[in-house]
Amino acid sequence: MTDFENLTPAERTLLHQVIKRFLRTDKRLIRGNRHWQTLFEAAYNGRVVGQDDFKNLGKGTLSKEKACLVYEWLLEHRPKVIGDFNAELMKLADEKDDQERRASRLHSLTNNRSNGLPPITWDGLVLDKGIFGSVDIRLVQPQDMEPEQLEEVFPLPLRMPDLLRPAESAVPSKLVDHDPLSKTVVPLKEEFYFEINSPEPCHVIGFQRITPQWEPLILNTNNTFMSLSQGSNLAPVDDQGSLAPLIEREQARRHKFVFVVSADELLFRFGRQVSGKWQIDDMLMDEFAVALNELQSTWQILRIDVMFKE
């Protein structure tokens, strides 16, 4: 037998899900309304198939012995189904790990507060560890782009109308008025990009802030993270690695951009977690700060503040 026999009943139910998807597309196993029985009869090799065996597999109540027979038959005769099953197992494991990590981070936040220690927050970490000078902002010049790329632009996230936005004064002043401001002023509707200097090959995830809440920053097609090589890197880029500039159409004010660089997979996990979000909940950002602060590998927070004008 394989490690399948050591899975929990809940994990074994995932096999039911992938078999159902498989049976909808593989006509070789469909025989009237008894298509799943065709598979089970082959897997049981002469043993009687119970009327509710397939349903019980979905409930996690099918005997381990029978479930293993089905798994072994699929492994030999339909390996793609097992590949899909393994992918579902990995997804389930990632979700479980994320839940455990989140519980651990919440515990750390609570412990710090109850012990009288300063809580680790995202804003606090940015203020304490953020480095200015390793990120520049550039306006796009015609020579920066290939002709076929000139129409490919990532708009900054759509936002609420100004009247519905929280007041700018709600942003802590220590994160607004006293930080260095880039000499480059970006006109609205002008394309721009970042130049990020990295001391080593690693990954980067980006955020911006113009209201009290942080927003994910697109650095690669539909993603908030990308890979960096040692030295100077241009961002954002498309899937082919070509420059794909950003554009701000509405918010003529100070923008705070923060980039976290590290080789740790934490950046990928958090990037997937916030991908597609318009704004990121403060607690989620604080959990990211706790996880970042606990990393054994090296990391940096790179900052740049930029003024946008009409």
C-alpha atoms as a PDB file:
ATOM      1  CA  MET A   1       0.000   0.000   0.000  1.00  0.00           C
ATOM      2  CA  THR A   2       0.972   3.660  -0.371  1.00  0.00           C
ATOM      3  CA  ASP A   3       0.746   6.570   2.041  1.00  0.00           C
ATOM      4  CA  PHE A   4      -2.922   6.819   1.085  1.00  0.00           C
ATOM      5  CA  GLU A   5      -3.785   4.442   3.909  1.00  0.00           C
ATOM      6  CA  ASN A   6      -2.332   6.934   6.401  1.00  0.00           C
ATOM      7  CA  LEU A   7      -4.562   9.800   5.269  1.00  0.00           C
ATOM      8  CA  THR A   8      -7.410  11.004   7.431  1.00  0.00           C
ATOM      9  CA  PRO A   9     -11.009  10.255   6.377  1.00  0.00           C
ATOM     10  CA  ALA A  10     -11.433  13.943   5.496  1.00  0.00           C
ATOM     11  CA  GLU A  11      -8.396  13.798   3.209  1.00  0.00           C
ATOM     12  CA  ARG A  12      -9.637  10.607   1.553  1.00  0.00           C
ATOM     13  CA  THR A  13     -12.917  12.347   0.634  1.00  0.00           C
ATOM     14  CA  LEU A  14     -10.925  14.456  -1.834  1.00  0.00           C
ATOM     15  CA  LEU A  15     -10.573  11.305  -3.950  1.00  0.00           C
ATOM     16  CA  HIS A  16     -14.359  11.296  -4.334  1.00  0.00           C
ATOM     17  CA  GLN A  17     -14.251  14.852  -5.720  1.00  0.00           C
ATOM     18  CA  VAL A  18     -11.583  14.182  -8.330  1.00  0.00           C
ATOM     19  CA  ILE A  19     -13.250  10.919  -9.416  1.00  0.00           C
ATOM     20  CA  LYS A  20     -16.512  12.801  -9.997  1.00  0.00           C
ATOM     21  CA  ARG A  21     -14.706  15.330 -12.204  1.00  0.00           C
ATOM     22  CA  PHE A  22     -12.919  12.525 -14.024  1.00  0.00           C
ATOM     23  CA  LEU A  23     -16.086  10.531 -14.700  1.00  0.00           C
ATOM     24  CA  ARG A  24     -17.737  13.535 -16.314  1.00  0.00           C
ATOM     25  CA  THR A  25     -15.049  13.641 -19.002  1.00  0.00           C
ATOM     26  CA  ASP A  26     -13.756  10.063 -19.436  1.00  0.00           C
ATOM     27  CA  LYS A  27     -16.362   8.285 -21.569  1.00  0.00           C
ATOM     28  CA  ARG A  28     -14.555   4.967 -21.283  1.00  0.00           C
ATOM     29  CA  LEU A  29     -15.860   4.491 -17.763  1.00  0.00           C
ATOM     30  CA  ILE A  30     -19.419   5.667 -18.283  1.00  0.00           C
ATOM     31  CA  ARG A  31     -21.996   2.889 -18.445  1.00  0.00           C
ATOM     32  CA  GLY A  32     -25.517   4.245 -18.018  1.00  0.00           C
ATOM     33  CA  ASN A  33     -26.105   5.430 -14.471  1.00  0.00           C
ATOM     34  CA  ARG A  34     -23.595   2.993 -13.007  1.00  0.00           C
ATOM     35  CA  HIS A  35     -20.377   4.594 -14.272  1.00  0.00           C
ATOM     36  CA  TRP A  36     -18.756   4.879 -10.860  1.00  0.00           C
ATOM     37  CA  GLN A  37     -19.554   1.206 -10.261  1.00  0.00           C
ATOM     38  CA  THR A  38     -17.540   0.330 -13.373  1.00  0.00           C
ATOM     39  CA  LEU A  39     -14.480   1.848 -11.757  1.00  0.00           C
ATOM     40  CA  PHE A  40     -15.116   0.245  -8.367  1.00  0.00           C
ATOM     41  CA  GLU A  41     -15.726  -3.190  -9.908  1.00  0.00           C
ATOM     42  CA  ALA A  42     -12.372  -2.953 -11.673  1.00  0.00           C
ATOM     43  CA  ALA A  43     -10.655  -1.738  -8.509  1.00  0.00           C
ATOM     44  CA  TYR A  44     -12.229  -4.405  -6.255  1.00  0.00           C
ATOM     45  CA  ASN A  45     -11.210  -7.152  -8.709  1.00  0.00           C
ATOM     46  CA  GLY A  46     -14.196  -9.428  -8.123  1.00  0.00           C
ATOM     47  CA  ARG A  47     -15.297  -8.250  -4.708  1.00  0.00           C
ATOM     48  CA  VAL A  48     -18.894  -7.106  -4.264  1.00  0.00           C
ATOM     49  CA  VAL A  49     -19.423  -3.378  -4.729  1.00  0.00           C
ATOM     50  CA  GLY A  50     -21.726  -1.890  -2.125  1.00  0.00           C
ATOM     51  CA  GLN A  51     -24.623   0.243  -3.329  1.00  0.00           C
ATOM     52  CA  ASP A  52     -23.416   3.228  -1.298  1.00  0.00           C
ATOM     53  CA  ASP A  53     -19.663   2.745  -1.643  1.00  0.00           C
ATOM     54  CA  PHE A  54     -19.157   5.821  -3.812  1.00  0.00           C
ATOM     55  CA  LYS A  55     -21.344   7.962  -1.565  1.00  0.00           C
ATOM     56  CA  ASN A  56     -19.481   6.663   1.477  1.00  0.00           C
ATOM     57  CA  LEU A  57     -16.152   7.581  -0.130  1.00  0.00           C
ATOM     58  CA  GLY A  58     -17.447  11.152  -0.329  1.00  0.00           C
ATOM     59  CA  LYS A  59     -18.468  11.055   3.332  1.00  0.00           C
ATOM     60  CA  GLY A  60     -15.164   9.588   4.479  1.00  0.00           C
ATOM     61  CA  THR A  61     -16.917   6.482   5.834  1.00  0.00           C
ATOM     62  CA  LEU A  62     -15.826   3.969   3.172  1.00  0.00           C
ATOM     63  CA  SER A  63     -13.506   1.422   4.757  1.00  0.00           C
ATOM     64  CA  LYS A  64      -9.818   2.198   4.473  1.00  0.00           C
ATOM     65  CA  GLU A  65      -9.236  -1.138   2.712  1.00  0.00           C
ATOM     66  CA  LYS A  66     -11.768  -0.402  -0.046  1.00  0.00           C
ATOM     67  CA  ALA A  67     -10.618   3.190  -0.480  1.00  0.00           C
ATOM     68  CA  CYS A  68      -7.032   1.988  -0.864  1.00  0.00           C
ATOM     69  CA  LEU A  69      -8.089  -0.472  -3.582  1.00  0.00           C
ATOM     70  CA  VAL A  70      -9.675   2.359  -5.565  1.00  0.00           C
ATOM     71  CA  TYR A  71      -6.605   4.535  -5.067  1.00  0.00           C
ATOM     72  CA  GLU A  72      -4.218   1.762  -6.176  1.00  0.00           C
ATOM     73  CA  TRP A  73      -6.261   1.014  -9.301  1.00  0.00           C
ATOM     74  CA  LEU A  74      -6.320   4.678 -10.307  1.00  0.00           C
ATOM     75  CA  LEU A  75      -2.603   5.028  -9.611  1.00  0.00           C
ATOM     76  CA  GLU A  76      -1.893   2.223 -12.087  1.00  0.00           C
ATOM     77  CA  HIS A  77      -4.556   2.868 -14.725  1.00  0.00           C
ATOM     78  CA  ARG A  78      -5.477   6.562 -14.445  1.00  0.00           C
ATOM     79  CA  PRO A  79      -2.432   8.365 -12.992  1.00  0.00           C
ATOM     80  CA  LYS A  80      -3.802  11.768 -14.020  1.00  0.00           C
ATOM     81  CA  VAL A  81      -6.639  11.334 -11.529  1.00  0.00           C
ATOM     82  CA  ILE A  82      -4.104  10.684  -8.776  1.00  0.00           C
ATOM     83  CA  GLY A  83      -2.140  13.731  -9.921  1.00  0.00           C
ATOM     84  CA  ASP A  84      -5.265  15.846  -9.470  1.00  0.00           C
ATOM     85  CA  PHE A  85      -5.900  14.177  -6.105  1.00  0.00           C
ATOM     86  CA  ASN A  86      -2.370  14.984  -4.914  1.00  0.00           C
ATOM     87  CA  ALA A  87      -2.845  18.605  -6.024  1.00  0.00           C
ATOM     88  CA  GLU A  88      -6.034  18.820  -3.949  1.00  0.00           C
ATOM     89  CA  LEU A  89      -4.185  17.337  -0.968  1.00  0.00           C
ATOM     90  CA  MET A  90      -1.464  19.982  -1.274  1.00  0.00           C
ATOM     91  CA  LYS A  91      -4.077  22.734  -1.463  1.00  0.00           C
ATOM     92  CA  LEU A  92      -5.767  21.379   1.663  1.00  0.00           C
ATOM     93  CA  ALA A  93      -2.407  21.203   3.454  1.00  0.00           C
ATOM     94  CA  ASP A  94      -1.608  24.803   2.474  1.00  0.00           C
ATOM     95  CA  GLU A  95      -4.979  25.975   3.817  1.00  0.00           C
ATOM     96  CA  LYS A  96      -4.378  24.099   7.070  1.00  0.00           C
ATOM     97  CA  ASP A  97      -0.873  25.562   7.370  1.00  0.00           C
ATOM     98  CA  ASP A  98      -2.226  29.060   6.721  1.00  0.00           C
ATOM     99  CA  GLN A  99      -4.841  28.617   9.443  1.00  0.00           C
ATOM    100  CA  GLU A 100      -2.216  27.372  11.904  1.00  0.00           C
ATOM    101  CA  ARG A 101       0.169  30.191  11.019  1.00  0.00           C
ATOM    102  CA  ARG A 102      -2.603  32.741  11.419  1.00  0.00           C
ATOM    103  CA  ALA A 103      -3.559  31.331  14.819  1.00  0.00           C
ATOM    104  CA  SER A 104       0.108  31.459  15.862  1.00  0.00           C
ATOM    105  CA  ARG A 105       0.466  35.067  14.729  1.00  0.00           C
ATOM    106  CA  LEU A 106      -2.711  36.105  16.504  1.00  0.00           C
ATOM    107  CA  HIS A 107      -1.342  34.384  19.620  1.00  0.00           C
ATOM    108  CA  SER A 108       1.908  36.354  19.278  1.00  0.00           C
ATOM    109  CA  LEU A 109       0.018  39.622  18.888  1.00  0.00           C
ATOM    110  CA  THR A 110      -2.121  38.860  21.942  1.00  0.00           C
ATOM    111  CA  ASN A 111       0.885  37.770  24.034  1.00  0.00           C
ATOM    112  CA  ASN A 112       2.789  40.943  23.243  1.00  0.00           C
ATOM    113  CA  ARG A 113      -0.139  43.070  24.332  1.00  0.00           C
ATOM    114  CA  SER A 114      -0.816  41.060  27.505  1.00  0.00           C
ATOM    115  CA  ASN A 115       2.891  41.117  28.478  1.00  0.00           C
ATOM    116  CA  GLY A 116       3.106  44.858  28.081  1.00  0.00           C
ATOM    117  CA  LEU A 117       5.414  44.599  25.042  1.00  0.00           C
ATOM    118  CA  PRO A 118       4.854  46.833  22.026  1.00  0.00           C
ATOM    119  CA  PRO A 119       2.668  44.881  19.565  1.00  0.00           C
ATOM    120  CA  ILE A 120       4.257  44.049  16.226  1.00  0.00           C
ATOM    121  CA  THR A 121       2.242  45.912  13.620  1.00  0.00           C
ATOM    122  CA  TRP A 122       2.772  46.434   9.922  1.00  0.00           C
ATOM    123  CA  ASP A 123       2.950  50.227  10.249  1.00  0.00           C
ATOM    124  CA  GLY A 124       5.400  49.880  13.110  1.00  0.00           C
ATOM    125  CA  LEU A 125       7.604  47.484  11.151  1.00  0.00           C
ATOM    126  CA  VAL A 126       7.587  49.768   8.101  1.00  0.00           C
ATOM    127  CA  LEU A 127       8.514  52.737  10.270  1.00  0.00           C
ATOM    128  CA  ASP A 128      11.236  50.831  12.148  1.00  0.00           C
ATOM    129  CA  LYS A 129      12.765  48.735   9.360  1.00  0.00           C
ATOM    130  CA  GLY A 130      11.856  50.590   6.168  1.00  0.00           C
ATOM    131  CA  ILE A 131      14.778  51.767   4.028  1.00  0.00           C
ATOM    132  CA  PHE A 132      14.660  54.705   1.626  1.00  0.00           C
ATOM    133  CA  GLY A 133      17.034  54.940  -1.337  1.00  0.00           C
ATOM    134  CA  SER A 134      16.875  51.457  -2.874  1.00  0.00           C
ATOM    135  CA  VAL A 135      13.765  52.178  -4.970  1.00  0.00           C
ATOM    136  CA  ASP A 136      13.367  54.893  -7.609  1.00  0.00           C
ATOM    137  CA  ILE A 137      10.342  55.875  -9.663  1.00  0.00           C
ATOM    138  CA  ARG A 138      10.655  56.604 -13.376  1.00  0.00           C
ATOM    139  CA  LEU A 139       8.350  58.155 -15.943  1.00  0.00           C
ATOM    140  CA  VAL A 140       8.043  56.095 -19.095  1.00  0.00           C
ATOM    141  CA  GLN A 141       9.963  57.397 -22.085  1.00  0.00           C
ATOM    142  CA  PRO A 142       9.345  56.112 -25.641  1.00  0.00           C
ATOM    143  CA  GLN A 143      12.711  54.351 -25.665  1.00  0.00           C
ATOM    144  CA  ASP A 144      11.710  52.372 -22.541  1.00  0.00           C
ATOM    145  CA  MET A 145       9.062  50.377 -24.394  1.00  0.00           C
ATOM    146  CA  GLU A 146       8.851  48.238 -27.497  1.00  0.00           C
ATOM    147  CA  PRO A 147       6.209  49.533 -29.976  1.00  0.00           C
ATOM    148  CA  GLU A 148       3.877  46.594 -29.311  1.00  0.00           C
ATOM    149  CA  GLN A 149       4.049  47.273 -25.550  1.00  0.00           C
ATOM    150  CA  LEU A 150       2.955  50.895 -25.568  1.00  0.00           C
ATOM    151  CA  GLU A 151      -0.694  49.986 -24.966  1.00  0.00           C
ATOM    152  CA  GLU A 152       0.051  47.530 -22.137  1.00  0.00           C
ATOM    153  CA  VAL A 153      -0.425  49.358 -18.869  1.00  0.00           C
ATOM    154  CA  PHE A 154      -1.450  48.173 -15.389  1.00  0.00           C
ATOM    155  CA  PRO A 155      -3.892  50.705 -13.861  1.00  0.00           C
ATOM    156  CA  LEU A 156      -3.597  51.182 -10.135  1.00  0.00           C
ATOM    157  CA  PRO A 157      -6.543  49.545  -8.345  1.00  0.00           C
ATOM    158  CA  LEU A 158      -9.962  51.101  -8.862  1.00  0.00           C
ATOM    159  CA  ARG A 159     -10.952  52.982  -5.732  1.00  0.00           C
ATOM    160  CA  MET A 160     -13.974  54.606  -4.153  1.00  0.00           C
ATOM    161  CA  PRO A 161     -14.829  58.161  -5.212  1.00  0.00           C
ATOM    162  CA  ASP A 162     -13.052  60.740  -3.050  1.00  0.00           C
ATOM    163  CA  LEU A 163     -16.226  61.616  -1.178  1.00  0.00           C
ATOM    164  CA  LEU A 164     -16.456  58.036   0.094  1.00  0.00           C
ATOM    165  CA  ARG A 165     -12.830  57.714   1.083  1.00  0.00           C
ATOM    166  CA  PRO A 166     -11.586  58.119   4.673  1.00  0.00           C
ATOM    167  CA  ALA A 167     -10.043  61.506   5.366  1.00  0.00           C
ATOM    168  CA  GLU A 168      -6.329  61.807   4.670  1.00  0.00           C
ATOM    169  CA  SER A 169      -5.873  63.119   8.208  1.00  0.00           C
ATOM    170  CA  ALA A 170      -6.797  59.645   9.479  1.00  0.00           C
ATOM    171  CA  VAL A 171      -3.380  58.381   8.337  1.00  0.00           C
ATOM    172  CA  PRO A 172      -0.874  58.544  11.238  1.00  0.00           C
ATOM    173  CA  SER A 173       1.182  61.697  10.722  1.00  0.00           C
ATOM    174  CA  LYS A 174       4.462  59.895  11.380  1.00  0.00           C
ATOM    175  CA  LEU A 175       3.824  57.874   8.209  1.00  0.00           C
ATOM    176  CA  VAL A 176       2.855  60.892   6.124  1.00  0.00           C
ATOM    177  CA  ASP A 177       4.557  64.198   6.797  1.00  0.00           C
ATOM    178  CA  HIS A 178       8.038  63.295   7.982  1.00  0.00           C
ATOM    179  CA  ASP A 179       9.140  60.744   5.379  1.00  0.00           C
ATOM    180  CA  PRO A 180      11.459  61.681   2.496  1.00  0.00           C
ATOM    181  CA  LEU A 181       9.647  62.477  -0.741  1.00  0.00           C
ATOM    182  CA  SER A 182      10.921  61.409  -4.158  1.00  0.00           C
ATOM    183  CA  LYS A 183      12.201  64.241  -6.342  1.00  0.00           C
ATOM    184  CA  THR A 184      10.210  62.776  -9.221  1.00  0.00           C
ATOM    185  CA  VAL A 185       6.652  64.124  -9.316  1.00  0.00           C
ATOM    186  CA  VAL A 186       4.295  61.989 -11.392  1.00  0.00           C
ATOM    187  CA  PRO A 187       1.491  63.665 -13.366  1.00  0.00           C
ATOM    188  CA  LEU A 188      -1.857  61.877 -13.339  1.00  0.00           C
ATOM    189  CA  LYS A 189      -2.439  59.639 -16.371  1.00  0.00           C
ATOM    190  CA  GLU A 190       1.314  59.448 -17.011  1.00  0.00           C
ATOM    191  CA  GLU A 191       2.833  55.976 -17.175  1.00  0.00           C
ATOM    192  CA  PHE A 192       5.510  55.171 -14.627  1.00  0.00           C
ATOM    193  CA  TYR A 193       7.502  52.266 -13.243  1.00  0.00           C
ATOM    194  CA  PHE A 194       9.899  51.434 -10.431  1.00  0.00           C
ATOM    195  CA  GLU A 195      13.593  50.602 -10.393  1.00  0.00           C
ATOM    196  CA  ILE A 196      14.357  48.277  -7.484  1.00  0.00           C
ATOM    197  CA  ASN A 197      17.921  47.537  -6.433  1.00  0.00           C
ATOM    198  CA  SER A 198      18.370  44.116  -4.875  1.00  0.00           C
ATOM    199  CA  PRO A 199      21.572  42.895  -3.172  1.00  0.00           C
ATOM    200  CA  GLU A 200      20.850  39.295  -4.239  1.00  0.00           C
ATOM    201  CA  PRO A 201      18.390  37.187  -6.253  1.00  0.00           C
ATOM    202  CA  CYS A 202      15.099  37.095  -4.344  1.00  0.00           C
ATOM    203  CA  HIS A 203      11.388  37.888  -4.575  1.00  0.00           C
ATOM    204  CA  VAL A 204       9.483  41.095  -3.967  1.00  0.00           C
ATOM    205  CA  ILE A 205       5.919  41.936  -2.984  1.00  0.00           C
ATOM    206  CA  GLY A 206       4.540  45.460  -3.241  1.00  0.00           C
ATOM    207  CA  PHE A 207       1.974  47.630  -1.460  1.00  0.00           C
ATOM    208  CA  GLN A 208       0.788  51.220  -1.690  1.00  0.00           C
ATOM    209  CA  ARG A 209      -1.004  53.493   0.729  1.00  0.00           C
ATOM    210  CA  ILE A 210      -2.906  56.712   0.097  1.00  0.00           C
ATOM    211  CA  THR A 211      -5.610  56.213   2.757  1.00  0.00           C
ATOM    212  CA  PRO A 212      -5.418  54.560   6.187  1.00  0.00           C
ATOM    213  CA  GLN A 213      -5.521  51.106   4.568  1.00  0.00           C
ATOM    214  CA  TRP A 214      -2.855  49.459   2.450  1.00  0.00           C
ATOM    215  CA  GLU A 215      -3.532  48.188  -1.054  1.00  0.00           C
ATOM    216  CA  PRO A 216      -1.731  45.433  -2.996  1.00  0.00           C
ATOM    217  CA  LEU A 217       0.441  46.681  -5.837  1.00  0.00           C
ATOM    218  CA  ILE A 218       0.498  44.825  -9.151  1.00  0.00           C
ATOM    219  CA  LEU A 219       4.083  43.842 -10.005  1.00  0.00           C
ATOM    220  CA  ASN A 220       3.381  41.086 -12.518  1.00  0.00           C
ATOM    221  CA  THR A 221       0.320  40.150 -14.554  1.00  0.00           C
ATOM    222  CA  ASN A 222      -2.446  39.710 -11.939  1.00  0.00           C
ATOM    223  CA  ASN A 223       0.132  39.214  -9.164  1.00  0.00           C
ATOM    224  CA  THR A 224       1.459  41.345  -6.328  1.00  0.00           C
ATOM    225  CA  PHE A 225       4.874  39.653  -6.373  1.00  0.00           C
ATOM    226  CA  MET A 226       7.711  39.004  -8.818  1.00  0.00           C
ATOM    227  CA  SER A 227      11.274  37.682  -8.867  1.00  0.00           C
ATOM    228  CA  LEU A 228      14.304  39.963  -8.693  1.00  0.00           C
ATOM    229  CA  SER A 229      17.826  39.430  -9.933  1.00  0.00           C
ATOM    230  CA  GLN A 230      20.882  40.881  -8.231  1.00  0.00           C
ATOM    231  CA  GLY A 231      21.284  44.556  -9.063  1.00  0.00           C
ATOM    232  CA  SER A 232      18.801  46.832 -10.814  1.00  0.00           C
ATOM    233  CA  ASN A 233      15.305  45.536 -11.671  1.00  0.00           C
ATOM    234  CA  LEU A 234      12.399  47.242 -13.423  1.00  0.00           C
ATOM    235  CA  ALA A 235       8.864  46.688 -12.151  1.00  0.00           C
ATOM    236  CA  PRO A 236       6.125  45.879 -12.980  1.00  0.00           C
ATOM    237  CA  VAL A 237       6.716  43.369 -15.760  1.00  0.00           C
ATOM    238  CA  ASP A 238       4.437  41.137 -17.802  1.00  0.00           C
ATOM    239  CA  ASP A 239       4.600  37.350 -18.057  1.00  0.00           C
ATOM    240  CA  GLN A 240       7.407  37.613 -20.620  1.00  0.00           C
ATOM    241  CA  GLY A 241       9.494  39.819 -18.336  1.00  0.00           C
ATOM    242  CA  SER A 242       8.953  42.997 -20.379  1.00  0.00           C
ATOM    243  CA  LEU A 243       8.211  46.327 -18.736  1.00  0.00           C
ATOM    244  CA  ALA A 244       4.479  46.881 -18.085  1.00  0.00           C
ATOM    245  CA  PRO A 245       4.043  50.333 -16.510  1.00  0.00           C
ATOM    246  CA  LEU A 246       1.511  51.512 -13.959  1.00  0.00           C
ATOM    247  CA  ILE A 247      -0.759  54.515 -14.308  1.00  0.00           C
ATOM    248  CA  GLU A 248      -2.639  56.645 -11.744  1.00  0.00           C
ATOM    249  CA  ARG A 249      -5.694  58.410 -13.141  1.00  0.00           C
ATOM    250  CA  GLU A 250      -7.392  59.967 -10.101  1.00  0.00           C
ATOM    251  CA  GLN A 251      -5.451  60.409  -6.867  1.00  0.00           C
ATOM    252  CA  ALA A 252      -3.406  63.626  -7.005  1.00  0.00           C
ATOM    253  CA  ARG A 253      -1.751  63.301  -3.612  1.00  0.00           C
ATOM    254  CA  ARG A 254       1.107  61.621  -1.800  1.00  0.00           C
ATOM    255  CA  HIS A 255       1.426  57.874  -2.397  1.00  0.00           C
ATOM    256  CA  LYS A 256       3.434  55.626  -0.102  1.00  0.00           C
ATOM    257  CA  PHE A 257       4.963  52.579  -1.794  1.00  0.00           C
ATOM    258  CA  VAL A 258       6.511  49.728   0.179  1.00  0.00           C
ATOM    259  CA  PHE A 259       8.344  46.699  -1.221  1.00  0.00           C
ATOM    260  CA  VAL A 260       9.321  43.649   0.828  1.00  0.00           C
ATOM    261  CA  VAL A 261      12.225  41.635  -0.586  1.00  0.00           C
ATOM    262  CA  SER A 262      13.132  38.131   0.574  1.00  0.00           C
ATOM    263  CA  ALA A 263      13.865  34.675  -0.796  1.00  0.00           C
ATOM    264  CA  ASP A 264      11.302  33.134   1.578  1.00  0.00           C
ATOM    265  CA  GLU A 265       8.077  31.613   0.214  1.00  0.00           C
ATOM    266  CA  LEU A 266       6.116  33.737   2.709  1.00  0.00           C
ATOM    267  CA  LEU A 267       5.946  36.417   0.019  1.00  0.00           C
ATOM    268  CA  PHE A 268       4.251  34.023  -2.417  1.00  0.00           C
ATOM    269  CA  ARG A 269       1.778  32.806   0.196  1.00  0.00           C
ATOM    270  CA  PHE A 270       0.796  36.300   1.273  1.00  0.00           C
ATOM    271  CA  GLY A 271       0.733  37.519  -2.316  1.00  0.00           C
ATOM    272  CA  ARG A 272      -1.790  34.835  -3.232  1.00  0.00           C
ATOM    273  CA  GLN A 273      -3.787  35.682  -0.118  1.00  0.00           C
ATOM    274  CA  VAL A 274      -4.216  39.361  -1.027  1.00  0.00           C
ATOM    275  CA  SER A 275      -4.318  39.001  -4.815  1.00  0.00           C
ATOM    276  CA  GLY A 276      -7.443  40.643  -6.199  1.00  0.00           C
ATOM    277  CA  LYS A 277      -8.197  42.575  -3.010  1.00  0.00           C
ATOM    278  CA  TRP A 278      -8.965  46.266  -3.288  1.00  0.00           C
ATOM    279  CA  GLN A 279      -7.707  47.004   0.212  1.00  0.00           C
ATOM    280  CA  ILE A 280      -6.055  44.820   2.851  1.00  0.00           C
ATOM    281  CA  ASP A 281      -7.458  44.512   6.348  1.00  0.00           C
ATOM    282  CA  ASP A 282      -5.187  45.981   9.039  1.00  0.00           C
ATOM    283  CA  MET A 283      -5.178  42.737  11.030  1.00  0.00           C
ATOM    284  CA  LEU A 284      -4.040  40.818   7.951  1.00  0.00           C
ATOM    285  CA  MET A 285      -1.180  43.265   7.422  1.00  0.00           C
ATOM    286  CA  ASP A 286      -0.225  42.933  11.095  1.00  0.00           C
ATOM    287  CA  GLU A 287      -0.198  39.138  10.771  1.00  0.00           C
ATOM    288  CA  PHE A 288       2.116  39.498   7.774  1.00  0.00           C
ATOM    289  CA  ALA A 289       4.384  41.741   9.864  1.00  0.00           C
ATOM    290  CA  VAL A 290       4.561  39.134  12.647  1.00  0.00           C
ATOM    291  CA  ALA A 291       5.369  36.369  10.139  1.00  0.00           C
ATOM    292  CA  LEU A 292       8.002  38.545   8.465  1.00  0.00           C
ATOM    293  CA  ASN A 293       9.591  39.425  11.785  1.00  0.00           C
ATOM    294  CA  GLU A 294       9.847  35.719  12.684  1.00  0.00           C
ATOM    295  CA  LEU A 295      11.632  34.696   9.467  1.00  0.00           C
ATOM    296  CA  GLN A 296      15.048  33.111   9.874  1.00  0.00           C
ATOM    297  CA  SER A 297      16.056  34.166   6.360  1.00  0.00           C
ATOM    298  CA  THR A 298      17.036  37.726   5.493  1.00  0.00           C
ATOM    299  CA  TRP A 299      14.482  40.286   4.348  1.00  0.00           C
ATOM    300  CA  GLN A 300      14.248  44.015   3.737  1.00  0.00           C
ATOM    301  CA  ILE A 301      11.499  46.618   3.561  1.00  0.00           C
ATOM    302  CA  LEU A 302      12.176  49.188   0.827  1.00  0.00           C
ATOM    303  CA  ARG A 303      10.252  52.455   0.765  1.00  0.00           C
ATOM    304  CA  ILE A 304       9.545  55.365  -1.530  1.00  0.00           C
ATOM    305  CA  ASP A 305       7.028  58.203  -1.168  1.00  0.00           C
ATOM    306  CA  VAL A 306       5.853  59.853  -4.387  1.00  0.00           C
ATOM    307  CA  MET A 307       3.712  62.918  -5.086  1.00  0.00           C
ATOM    308  CA  PHE A 308       1.173  62.690  -7.897  1.00  0.00           C
ATOM    309  CA  LYS A 309      -0.206  65.914  -9.413  1.00  0.00           C
ATOM    310  CA  GLU A 310      -2.957  67.029 -11.799  1.00  0.00           C
END
